């Protein structure tokens, strides 16, 4: 009994430790130029995967340096070609300057018109875009938003979901009398 409990506790700890992983940031050309010029970034981001399943991922994002204005942050899951995966809707949340971290849940929803190979969709990157609030749509387009790119390799599981238009054919067959039924071994 005690051994089973200890083994169960050990497995739970191992699963929890595996579930929490920090995503590695990927520097872009702007970061490289700033480091060459000796400019240090005033803002920082750290993303940790709190838990994940085949169809979901819960992230915690710690941030610094976004105190002077009101900002929101957009989370996008990207493919190898750095295009947004259509199956995972981007999530935009408001940054709280006092909290210094934010939690987000990303969910995979298969497209009805898409045929998936091996019932998997692979993601390679996570892009966080910080957007300054209070700007007009034109100003948002013209102003360069700060983006952060993270390595986020994950195989998302495609679960087929039956829709309301599914027709199942059922054939009813009469059973013989109860006396004719034999128990199965």
N, C-alpha and C. Protein backbone atom coordinates (compact mmCIF):
# COMPACT_ATOMS: atom_id res chain seq x y z
N UNK A 1 0.83 -1.19 0.00
CA UNK A 1 0.00 0.00 0.00
C UNK A 1 0.88 1.26 0.00
N UNK A 2 1.87 1.29 0.92
CA UNK A 2 2.75 2.45 0.99
C UNK A 2 3.60 2.58 -0.27
N UNK A 3 4.03 1.42 -0.81
CA UNK A 3 4.85 1.43 -2.02
C UNK A 3 4.05 1.99 -3.18
N UNK A 4 2.77 1.58 -3.32
CA UNK A 4 1.91 2.09 -4.38
C UNK A 4 1.72 3.60 -4.25
N UNK A 5 1.54 4.06 -3.04
CA UNK A 5 1.37 5.48 -2.79
C UNK A 5 2.63 6.25 -3.17
N UNK A 6 3.79 5.74 -2.81
CA UNK A 6 5.05 6.39 -3.13
C UNK A 6 5.30 6.41 -4.63
N UNK A 7 4.99 5.30 -5.30
CA UNK A 7 5.16 5.25 -6.76
C UNK A 7 4.22 6.24 -7.43
N UNK A 8 2.99 6.30 -6.98
CA UNK A 8 2.02 7.25 -7.52
C UNK A 8 2.47 8.68 -7.32
N UNK A 9 2.98 9.00 -6.14
CA UNK A 9 3.48 10.34 -5.85
C UNK A 9 4.68 10.68 -6.73
N UNK A 10 5.57 9.72 -6.92
CA UNK A 10 6.74 9.92 -7.77
C UNK A 10 6.32 10.20 -9.21
N UNK A 11 5.36 9.43 -9.73
CA UNK A 11 4.89 9.64 -11.10
C UNK A 11 4.22 11.00 -11.25
N UNK A 12 3.47 11.43 -10.25
CA UNK A 12 2.83 12.73 -10.29
C UNK A 12 3.86 13.84 -10.33
N UNK A 13 4.91 13.72 -9.54
CA UNK A 13 5.97 14.72 -9.53
C UNK A 13 6.68 14.75 -10.88
N UNK A 14 6.94 13.58 -11.45
CA UNK A 14 7.61 13.51 -12.76
C UNK A 14 6.75 14.15 -13.84
N UNK A 15 5.44 13.90 -13.84
CA UNK A 15 4.55 14.47 -14.84
C UNK A 15 4.48 15.98 -14.68
N UNK A 16 4.44 16.48 -13.44
CA UNK A 16 4.38 17.91 -13.20
C UNK A 16 5.67 18.58 -13.65
N UNK A 17 6.80 17.97 -13.34
CA UNK A 17 8.08 18.54 -13.74
C UNK A 17 8.20 18.60 -15.25
N UNK A 18 7.70 17.58 -15.95
CA UNK A 18 7.77 17.55 -17.40
C UNK A 18 6.83 18.59 -18.01
N UNK A 19 5.68 18.80 -17.38
CA UNK A 19 4.70 19.72 -17.93
C UNK A 19 5.20 21.15 -17.89
N UNK A 20 5.96 21.52 -16.87
CA UNK A 20 6.44 22.88 -16.78
C UNK A 20 7.80 22.99 -17.46
N UNK A 21 7.82 23.73 -18.56
CA UNK A 21 9.06 23.96 -19.26
C UNK A 21 9.09 25.40 -19.74
N UNK A 22 10.27 25.96 -19.77
CA UNK A 22 10.44 27.33 -20.22
C UNK A 22 10.74 27.33 -21.71
N UNK A 23 10.03 28.17 -22.45
CA UNK A 23 10.25 28.29 -23.88
C UNK A 23 11.47 29.17 -24.13
N UNK A 24 12.33 28.74 -25.03
CA UNK A 24 13.56 29.48 -25.34
C UNK A 24 13.26 30.63 -26.30
N UNK A 25 13.72 31.85 -25.95
CA UNK A 25 13.52 32.97 -26.88
C UNK A 25 14.43 32.83 -28.09
N UNK A 26 13.95 33.33 -29.22
CA UNK A 26 14.73 33.33 -30.46
C UNK A 26 14.96 34.79 -30.82
N UNK A 27 16.22 35.18 -30.96
CA UNK A 27 16.51 36.59 -31.28
C UNK A 27 16.26 36.83 -32.76
N UNK A 28 15.83 38.04 -33.04
CA UNK A 28 15.60 38.41 -34.44
C UNK A 28 16.64 39.45 -34.85
N UNK A 29 16.55 39.93 -36.05
CA UNK A 29 17.51 40.88 -36.58
C UNK A 29 17.54 42.17 -35.76
N UNK A 30 16.37 42.65 -35.32
CA UNK A 30 16.32 43.89 -34.53
C UNK A 30 17.07 43.72 -33.21
N UNK A 31 16.92 42.56 -32.57
CA UNK A 31 17.65 42.29 -31.33
C UNK A 31 19.15 42.29 -31.58
N UNK A 32 19.58 41.67 -32.69
CA UNK A 32 21.00 41.62 -33.02
C UNK A 32 21.57 43.01 -33.26
N UNK A 33 20.84 43.85 -33.97
CA UNK A 33 21.30 45.22 -34.25
C UNK A 33 21.39 46.02 -32.96
N UNK A 34 20.37 45.89 -32.07
CA UNK A 34 20.40 46.60 -30.80
C UNK A 34 21.59 46.17 -29.94
N UNK A 35 21.92 44.89 -29.94
CA UNK A 35 23.04 44.42 -29.13
C UNK A 35 24.36 44.93 -29.71
N UNK A 36 24.48 45.02 -31.04
CA UNK A 36 25.69 45.55 -31.67
C UNK A 36 25.86 47.03 -31.33
N UNK A 37 24.75 47.77 -31.34
CA UNK A 37 24.80 49.21 -31.05
C UNK A 37 24.93 49.50 -29.55
N UNK A 38 24.86 48.47 -28.74
CA UNK A 38 25.01 48.66 -27.30
C UNK A 38 23.73 49.07 -26.60
N UNK A 39 22.61 48.97 -27.30
CA UNK A 39 21.32 49.31 -26.69
C UNK A 39 20.77 48.07 -26.01
N UNK A 40 20.40 48.19 -24.77
CA UNK A 40 19.81 47.05 -24.08
C UNK A 40 18.30 47.16 -24.15
N UNK A 41 17.67 46.04 -24.26
CA UNK A 41 16.21 46.04 -24.33
C UNK A 41 15.63 46.46 -22.98
N UNK A 42 14.65 47.37 -23.02
CA UNK A 42 14.03 47.85 -21.79
C UNK A 42 12.94 46.89 -21.31
N UNK A 43 12.49 46.05 -22.20
CA UNK A 43 11.41 45.14 -21.85
C UNK A 43 11.88 43.70 -22.02
N UNK A 44 11.37 42.83 -21.15
CA UNK A 44 11.75 41.43 -21.17
C UNK A 44 10.51 40.55 -21.08
N UNK A 45 10.61 39.37 -21.68
CA UNK A 45 9.53 38.38 -21.64
C UNK A 45 10.11 37.02 -21.31
N UNK A 46 9.37 36.26 -20.50
CA UNK A 46 9.72 34.87 -20.20
C UNK A 46 8.42 34.08 -20.25
N UNK A 47 8.41 32.98 -21.02
CA UNK A 47 7.20 32.18 -21.18
C UNK A 47 7.47 30.77 -20.65
N UNK A 48 6.56 30.30 -19.79
CA UNK A 48 6.65 28.96 -19.22
C UNK A 48 5.38 28.20 -19.55
N UNK A 49 5.54 26.96 -20.02
CA UNK A 49 4.39 26.09 -20.26
C UNK A 49 4.00 25.49 -18.91
N UNK A 50 2.82 25.82 -18.42
CA UNK A 50 2.35 25.31 -17.14
C UNK A 50 1.81 23.89 -17.28
N UNK A 51 1.04 23.66 -18.33
CA UNK A 51 0.51 22.32 -18.60
C UNK A 51 0.14 22.25 -20.07
N UNK A 52 0.14 21.02 -20.60
CA UNK A 52 -0.26 20.86 -21.99
C UNK A 52 -0.87 19.49 -22.21
N UNK A 53 -1.79 19.46 -23.15
CA UNK A 53 -2.42 18.22 -23.59
C UNK A 53 -2.26 18.16 -25.11
N UNK A 54 -2.85 17.18 -25.73
CA UNK A 54 -2.78 17.09 -27.18
C UNK A 54 -3.50 18.22 -27.89
N UNK A 55 -4.49 18.82 -27.22
CA UNK A 55 -5.29 19.87 -27.85
C UNK A 55 -5.23 21.21 -27.13
N UNK A 56 -4.38 21.33 -26.13
CA UNK A 56 -4.32 22.58 -25.40
C UNK A 56 -2.97 22.83 -24.77
N UNK A 57 -2.74 24.10 -24.44
CA UNK A 57 -1.49 24.48 -23.78
C UNK A 57 -1.79 25.69 -22.89
N UNK A 58 -1.42 25.58 -21.62
CA UNK A 58 -1.59 26.69 -20.69
C UNK A 58 -0.23 27.31 -20.44
N UNK A 59 -0.11 28.61 -20.71
CA UNK A 59 1.15 29.32 -20.60
C UNK A 59 1.09 30.38 -19.51
N UNK A 60 2.26 30.66 -18.92
CA UNK A 60 2.43 31.78 -18.02
C UNK A 60 3.50 32.66 -18.62
N UNK A 61 3.20 33.94 -18.79
CA UNK A 61 4.13 34.89 -19.38
C UNK A 61 4.50 35.93 -18.33
N UNK A 62 5.79 36.00 -18.00
CA UNK A 62 6.31 37.02 -17.09
C UNK A 62 6.90 38.14 -17.93
N UNK A 63 6.60 39.39 -17.56
CA UNK A 63 7.06 40.52 -18.37
C UNK A 63 7.56 41.65 -17.49
N UNK A 64 8.47 42.45 -18.06
CA UNK A 64 9.02 43.63 -17.40
C UNK A 64 9.12 44.75 -18.42
N UNK A 65 9.01 45.98 -17.94
CA UNK A 65 9.28 47.14 -18.79
C UNK A 65 8.10 47.72 -19.51
N UNK A 66 6.90 47.31 -19.20
CA UNK A 66 5.71 47.86 -19.86
C UNK A 66 4.89 48.64 -18.83
N UNK A 67 5.49 49.71 -18.32
CA UNK A 67 4.85 50.45 -17.23
C UNK A 67 4.40 51.85 -17.64
N UNK A 68 4.98 52.42 -18.70
CA UNK A 68 4.69 53.82 -19.00
C UNK A 68 3.35 54.04 -19.70
N UNK A 69 2.81 53.03 -20.35
CA UNK A 69 1.54 53.16 -21.08
C UNK A 69 0.71 51.92 -20.86
N UNK A 70 -0.48 51.91 -21.47
CA UNK A 70 -1.37 50.75 -21.40
C UNK A 70 -1.11 49.88 -22.61
N UNK A 71 -0.89 48.56 -22.36
CA UNK A 71 -0.55 47.63 -23.42
C UNK A 71 -1.45 46.41 -23.38
N UNK A 72 -1.55 45.74 -24.53
CA UNK A 72 -2.13 44.41 -24.58
C UNK A 72 -1.12 43.51 -25.29
N UNK A 73 -1.29 42.22 -25.11
CA UNK A 73 -0.35 41.27 -25.69
C UNK A 73 -1.12 40.21 -26.47
N UNK A 74 -0.61 39.89 -27.66
CA UNK A 74 -1.26 38.92 -28.54
C UNK A 74 -0.38 37.68 -28.61
N UNK A 75 -0.97 36.51 -28.35
CA UNK A 75 -0.29 35.22 -28.39
C UNK A 75 -0.69 34.51 -29.68
N UNK A 76 0.30 34.13 -30.50
CA UNK A 76 0.04 33.42 -31.75
C UNK A 76 0.95 32.20 -31.85
N UNK A 77 0.38 31.06 -32.23
CA UNK A 77 1.17 29.84 -32.45
C UNK A 77 1.46 29.76 -33.94
N UNK A 78 2.75 29.53 -34.27
CA UNK A 78 3.20 29.57 -35.66
C UNK A 78 3.73 28.23 -36.14
N UNK A 79 3.69 28.05 -37.46
CA UNK A 79 4.23 26.85 -38.10
C UNK A 79 5.73 27.01 -38.31
N UNK A 80 6.35 26.03 -38.98
CA UNK A 80 7.78 26.11 -39.32
C UNK A 80 8.07 27.30 -40.21
N UNK A 81 7.10 27.67 -41.04
CA UNK A 81 7.26 28.79 -41.97
C UNK A 81 6.90 30.13 -41.33
N UNK A 82 6.64 30.11 -40.03
CA UNK A 82 6.28 31.30 -39.23
C UNK A 82 4.97 31.93 -39.70
N UNK A 83 4.04 31.07 -40.12
CA UNK A 83 2.69 31.53 -40.42
C UNK A 83 1.78 31.08 -39.28
N UNK A 84 0.77 31.87 -38.99
CA UNK A 84 -0.14 31.57 -37.90
C UNK A 84 -0.93 30.30 -38.21
N UNK A 85 -0.98 29.38 -37.25
CA UNK A 85 -1.81 28.17 -37.41
C UNK A 85 -3.27 28.57 -37.26
N UNK A 86 -4.07 28.30 -38.28
CA UNK A 86 -5.48 28.70 -38.27
C UNK A 86 -6.30 27.93 -37.24
N UNK A 87 -5.82 26.76 -36.86
CA UNK A 87 -6.56 25.92 -35.91
C UNK A 87 -6.47 26.44 -34.47
N UNK A 88 -5.51 27.31 -34.21
CA UNK A 88 -5.35 27.86 -32.85
C UNK A 88 -5.59 29.36 -32.93
N UNK A 89 -6.73 29.79 -32.41
CA UNK A 89 -7.11 31.19 -32.47
C UNK A 89 -6.17 32.03 -31.62
N UNK A 90 -5.58 33.10 -32.22
CA UNK A 90 -4.72 33.98 -31.41
C UNK A 90 -5.51 34.60 -30.26
N UNK A 91 -4.84 34.76 -29.13
CA UNK A 91 -5.48 35.31 -27.94
C UNK A 91 -4.82 36.64 -27.61
N UNK A 92 -5.64 37.70 -27.40
CA UNK A 92 -5.13 39.01 -27.03
C UNK A 92 -5.66 39.35 -25.64
N UNK A 93 -4.73 39.70 -24.72
CA UNK A 93 -5.08 40.03 -23.35
C UNK A 93 -4.44 41.35 -22.95
N UNK A 94 -5.08 42.06 -22.03
CA UNK A 94 -4.54 43.32 -21.53
C UNK A 94 -3.46 43.06 -20.48
N UNK A 95 -2.34 43.78 -20.59
CA UNK A 95 -1.27 43.64 -19.61
C UNK A 95 -1.59 44.46 -18.38
N UNK A 96 -1.44 43.87 -17.21
CA UNK A 96 -1.62 44.56 -15.95
C UNK A 96 -0.23 44.96 -15.47
N UNK A 97 0.03 46.26 -15.34
CA UNK A 97 1.37 46.73 -14.98
C UNK A 97 1.78 46.31 -13.57
N UNK A 98 0.82 46.05 -12.71
CA UNK A 98 1.15 45.65 -11.34
C UNK A 98 1.38 44.14 -11.20
N UNK A 99 0.76 43.34 -12.05
CA UNK A 99 0.82 41.88 -11.89
C UNK A 99 2.16 41.30 -12.35
N UNK A 100 2.75 41.82 -13.41
CA UNK A 100 4.03 41.35 -13.96
C UNK A 100 3.97 39.96 -14.58
N UNK A 101 2.81 39.31 -14.60
CA UNK A 101 2.66 38.03 -15.30
C UNK A 101 1.22 37.87 -15.74
N UNK A 102 1.05 37.01 -16.74
CA UNK A 102 -0.29 36.77 -17.27
C UNK A 102 -0.39 35.31 -17.69
N UNK A 103 -1.54 34.72 -17.49
CA UNK A 103 -1.79 33.32 -17.88
C UNK A 103 -2.69 33.30 -19.11
N UNK A 104 -2.40 32.37 -20.02
CA UNK A 104 -3.22 32.24 -21.22
C UNK A 104 -3.38 30.76 -21.55
N UNK A 105 -4.54 30.42 -22.09
CA UNK A 105 -4.84 29.05 -22.48
C UNK A 105 -5.08 29.02 -23.99
N UNK A 106 -4.26 28.29 -24.71
CA UNK A 106 -4.40 28.16 -26.15
C UNK A 106 -5.02 26.81 -26.47
N UNK A 107 -6.05 26.81 -27.32
CA UNK A 107 -6.78 25.58 -27.65
C UNK A 107 -6.74 25.31 -29.15
N UNK A 108 -6.57 24.04 -29.49
CA UNK A 108 -6.55 23.58 -30.87
C UNK A 108 -7.96 23.17 -31.27
N UNK A 109 -8.46 23.74 -32.37
CA UNK A 109 -9.78 23.38 -32.90
C UNK A 109 -9.60 23.04 -34.37
N UNK A 110 -9.73 21.74 -34.73
CA UNK A 110 -9.53 21.35 -36.14
C UNK A 110 -10.52 22.02 -37.07
N UNK A 111 -10.05 22.35 -38.26
CA UNK A 111 -10.90 22.95 -39.28
C UNK A 111 -11.68 21.84 -39.98
N UNK A 112 -12.96 22.08 -40.20
CA UNK A 112 -13.81 21.06 -40.81
C UNK A 112 -13.39 20.76 -42.25
N UNK A 113 -12.88 21.76 -42.96
CA UNK A 113 -12.53 21.58 -44.36
C UNK A 113 -11.13 21.01 -44.57
N UNK A 114 -10.37 20.84 -43.51
CA UNK A 114 -8.98 20.40 -43.61
C UNK A 114 -8.85 18.90 -43.40
N UNK A 115 -7.99 18.25 -44.21
CA UNK A 115 -7.66 16.84 -44.01
C UNK A 115 -6.27 16.81 -43.39
N UNK A 116 -6.15 16.16 -42.24
CA UNK A 116 -4.90 16.17 -41.48
C UNK A 116 -4.15 14.86 -41.68
N UNK A 117 -2.85 14.98 -41.90
CA UNK A 117 -2.00 13.82 -42.07
C UNK A 117 -1.55 13.33 -40.69
N UNK A 118 -1.71 12.04 -40.44
CA UNK A 118 -1.31 11.41 -39.17
C UNK A 118 -2.05 11.97 -37.95
N UNK A 119 -3.16 12.67 -38.16
CA UNK A 119 -3.95 13.27 -37.08
C UNK A 119 -3.12 14.15 -36.17
N UNK A 120 -2.12 14.83 -36.73
CA UNK A 120 -1.26 15.74 -35.97
C UNK A 120 -1.02 17.02 -36.75
N UNK A 121 -0.88 18.12 -36.02
CA UNK A 121 -0.44 19.38 -36.59
C UNK A 121 0.72 19.86 -35.74
N UNK A 122 1.83 20.18 -36.37
CA UNK A 122 3.02 20.57 -35.62
C UNK A 122 3.18 22.08 -35.62
N UNK A 123 3.49 22.61 -34.44
CA UNK A 123 3.83 24.02 -34.32
C UNK A 123 5.32 24.11 -34.00
N UNK A 124 5.92 25.23 -34.37
CA UNK A 124 7.35 25.42 -34.13
C UNK A 124 7.67 26.65 -33.31
N UNK A 125 6.81 27.67 -33.38
CA UNK A 125 7.10 28.93 -32.71
C UNK A 125 5.88 29.50 -32.00
N UNK A 126 6.15 30.36 -31.04
CA UNK A 126 5.13 31.16 -30.37
C UNK A 126 5.55 32.61 -30.52
N UNK A 127 4.67 33.44 -31.06
CA UNK A 127 4.98 34.87 -31.21
C UNK A 127 4.10 35.67 -30.25
N UNK A 128 4.74 36.53 -29.47
CA UNK A 128 4.04 37.46 -28.60
C UNK A 128 4.22 38.85 -29.18
N UNK A 129 3.12 39.54 -29.41
CA UNK A 129 3.18 40.90 -29.95
C UNK A 129 2.57 41.84 -28.92
N UNK A 130 3.36 42.82 -28.49
CA UNK A 130 2.88 43.80 -27.52
C UNK A 130 2.35 44.99 -28.29
N UNK A 131 1.09 45.35 -28.01
CA UNK A 131 0.39 46.40 -28.74
C UNK A 131 0.07 47.53 -27.77
N UNK A 132 0.44 48.76 -28.16
CA UNK A 132 0.13 49.92 -27.33
C UNK A 132 -1.35 50.26 -27.49
N UNK A 133 -2.05 50.41 -26.36
CA UNK A 133 -3.48 50.71 -26.38
C UNK A 133 -3.72 52.21 -26.57
N UNK A 134 -4.92 52.55 -26.98
CA UNK A 134 -5.30 53.95 -27.12
C UNK A 134 -4.93 54.56 -28.45
N UNK A 135 -4.46 53.77 -29.38
CA UNK A 135 -4.10 54.28 -30.69
C UNK A 135 -5.22 53.97 -31.69
N UNK A 136 -5.32 54.80 -32.71
CA UNK A 136 -6.29 54.52 -33.77
C UNK A 136 -5.79 53.33 -34.58
N UNK A 137 -6.66 52.76 -35.38
CA UNK A 137 -6.29 51.61 -36.21
C UNK A 137 -5.15 51.97 -37.16
N UNK A 138 -5.17 53.18 -37.73
CA UNK A 138 -4.12 53.61 -38.64
C UNK A 138 -2.79 53.73 -37.90
N UNK A 139 -2.81 54.32 -36.70
CA UNK A 139 -1.58 54.45 -35.91
C UNK A 139 -1.02 53.08 -35.53
N UNK A 140 -1.91 52.12 -35.22
CA UNK A 140 -1.46 50.75 -34.89
C UNK A 140 -0.76 50.11 -36.08
N UNK A 141 -1.27 50.37 -37.30
CA UNK A 141 -0.65 49.81 -38.50
C UNK A 141 0.70 50.45 -38.79
N UNK A 142 0.79 51.78 -38.57
CA UNK A 142 2.02 52.50 -38.89
C UNK A 142 3.11 52.31 -37.83
N UNK A 143 2.71 52.15 -36.59
CA UNK A 143 3.68 52.01 -35.51
C UNK A 143 4.18 50.57 -35.43
N UNK A 144 5.46 50.42 -35.20
CA UNK A 144 6.04 49.08 -35.10
C UNK A 144 5.79 48.53 -33.70
N UNK A 145 5.10 47.42 -33.62
CA UNK A 145 4.85 46.77 -32.34
C UNK A 145 6.05 45.90 -31.99
N UNK A 146 6.26 45.71 -30.71
CA UNK A 146 7.38 44.89 -30.25
C UNK A 146 6.94 43.43 -30.25
N UNK A 147 7.65 42.58 -30.99
CA UNK A 147 7.33 41.16 -31.07
C UNK A 147 8.44 40.33 -30.43
N UNK A 148 8.04 39.24 -29.80
CA UNK A 148 8.96 38.30 -29.18
C UNK A 148 8.67 36.94 -29.78
N UNK A 149 9.71 36.23 -30.17
CA UNK A 149 9.56 34.92 -30.78
C UNK A 149 10.19 33.87 -29.88
N UNK A 150 9.45 32.77 -29.66
CA UNK A 150 9.91 31.69 -28.80
C UNK A 150 9.84 30.37 -29.55
N UNK A 151 10.77 29.48 -29.22
CA UNK A 151 10.76 28.12 -29.76
C UNK A 151 9.63 27.36 -29.07
N UNK A 152 8.68 26.83 -29.84
CA UNK A 152 7.51 26.16 -29.26
C UNK A 152 7.14 24.96 -30.11
N UNK A 153 7.97 23.93 -30.05
CA UNK A 153 7.70 22.72 -30.82
C UNK A 153 6.67 21.87 -30.08
N UNK A 154 5.58 21.58 -30.78
CA UNK A 154 4.51 20.79 -30.17
C UNK A 154 3.72 20.10 -31.28
N UNK A 155 3.33 18.87 -31.02
CA UNK A 155 2.46 18.14 -31.93
C UNK A 155 1.04 18.21 -31.37
N UNK A 156 0.18 18.93 -32.05
CA UNK A 156 -1.21 19.10 -31.64
C UNK A 156 -2.02 17.94 -32.19
N UNK A 157 -2.83 17.33 -31.36
CA UNK A 157 -3.60 16.15 -31.74
C UNK A 157 -4.93 16.57 -32.36
N UNK A 158 -5.23 15.95 -33.49
CA UNK A 158 -6.51 16.22 -34.17
C UNK A 158 -7.50 15.19 -33.68
N UNK A 159 -8.50 15.65 -32.96
CA UNK A 159 -9.56 14.76 -32.51
C UNK A 159 -10.77 15.03 -33.37
N UNK A 160 -11.27 13.99 -34.00
CA UNK A 160 -12.44 14.18 -34.85
C UNK A 160 -13.67 14.32 -33.97
N UNK A 161 -14.46 15.30 -34.32
CA UNK A 161 -15.67 15.59 -33.58
C UNK A 161 -16.85 15.37 -34.50
N UNK A 162 -17.79 14.56 -34.08
CA UNK A 162 -18.97 14.31 -34.90
C UNK A 162 -19.85 15.56 -34.90
N UNK A 163 -20.37 15.91 -36.06
CA UNK A 163 -21.25 17.06 -36.12
C UNK A 163 -22.71 16.60 -36.15
N UNK A 164 -23.62 17.53 -36.16
CA UNK A 164 -25.04 17.21 -36.12
C UNK A 164 -25.55 16.60 -37.42
N UNK A 165 -24.77 16.66 -38.49
CA UNK A 165 -25.21 16.14 -39.77
C UNK A 165 -24.82 14.68 -39.99
N UNK A 166 -24.28 14.05 -38.97
CA UNK A 166 -23.85 12.65 -39.09
C UNK A 166 -25.07 11.74 -39.07
N UNK A 167 -25.11 10.80 -40.02
CA UNK A 167 -26.21 9.84 -40.08
C UNK A 167 -25.63 8.46 -39.80
N UNK A 168 -26.20 7.78 -38.84
CA UNK A 168 -25.76 6.44 -38.49
C UNK A 168 -26.90 5.49 -38.81
N UNK A 169 -26.60 4.47 -39.62
CA UNK A 169 -27.63 3.49 -39.99
C UNK A 169 -27.62 2.36 -38.96
N UNK A 170 -28.78 2.04 -38.43
CA UNK A 170 -28.92 0.98 -37.42
C UNK A 170 -29.90 -0.05 -37.96
N UNK A 171 -29.51 -1.32 -37.91
CA UNK A 171 -30.39 -2.41 -38.33
C UNK A 171 -30.78 -3.19 -37.08
N UNK A 172 -32.05 -3.28 -36.85
CA UNK A 172 -32.55 -4.03 -35.70
C UNK A 172 -32.76 -5.48 -36.11
N UNK A 173 -32.28 -6.38 -35.29
CA UNK A 173 -32.42 -7.81 -35.57
C UNK A 173 -33.12 -8.44 -34.37
N UNK A 174 -34.14 -9.23 -34.62
CA UNK A 174 -34.84 -9.86 -33.50
C UNK A 174 -33.96 -10.92 -32.84
N UNK A 175 -34.05 -11.00 -31.54
CA UNK A 175 -33.33 -12.02 -30.79
C UNK A 175 -34.18 -13.27 -30.68
N UNK A 176 -33.55 -14.43 -30.60
CA UNK A 176 -34.33 -15.66 -30.38
C UNK A 176 -34.89 -15.64 -28.95
N UNK A 177 -35.67 -16.60 -28.66
CA UNK A 177 -36.26 -16.69 -27.32
C UNK A 177 -35.14 -16.75 -26.28
N UNK A 178 -35.45 -16.35 -25.10
CA UNK A 178 -34.45 -16.30 -24.03
C UNK A 178 -33.88 -17.67 -23.74
N UNK A 179 -34.64 -18.72 -23.92
CA UNK A 179 -34.15 -20.07 -23.66
C UNK A 179 -33.09 -20.48 -24.66
N UNK A 180 -33.10 -19.87 -25.86
CA UNK A 180 -32.13 -20.24 -26.88
C UNK A 180 -30.80 -19.52 -26.71
N UNK A 181 -30.76 -18.49 -25.87
CA UNK A 181 -29.51 -17.76 -25.63
C UNK A 181 -28.57 -18.57 -24.77
N UNK A 182 -27.31 -18.58 -25.14
CA UNK A 182 -26.30 -19.31 -24.38
C UNK A 182 -25.35 -18.32 -23.73
N UNK A 183 -24.89 -18.60 -22.52
CA UNK A 183 -23.93 -17.69 -21.88
C UNK A 183 -22.58 -17.76 -22.61
N UNK A 184 -21.93 -16.62 -22.72
CA UNK A 184 -20.60 -16.61 -23.35
C UNK A 184 -19.53 -16.87 -22.31
N UNK A 185 -18.49 -17.56 -22.71
CA UNK A 185 -17.43 -17.89 -21.76
C UNK A 185 -16.33 -16.89 -21.83
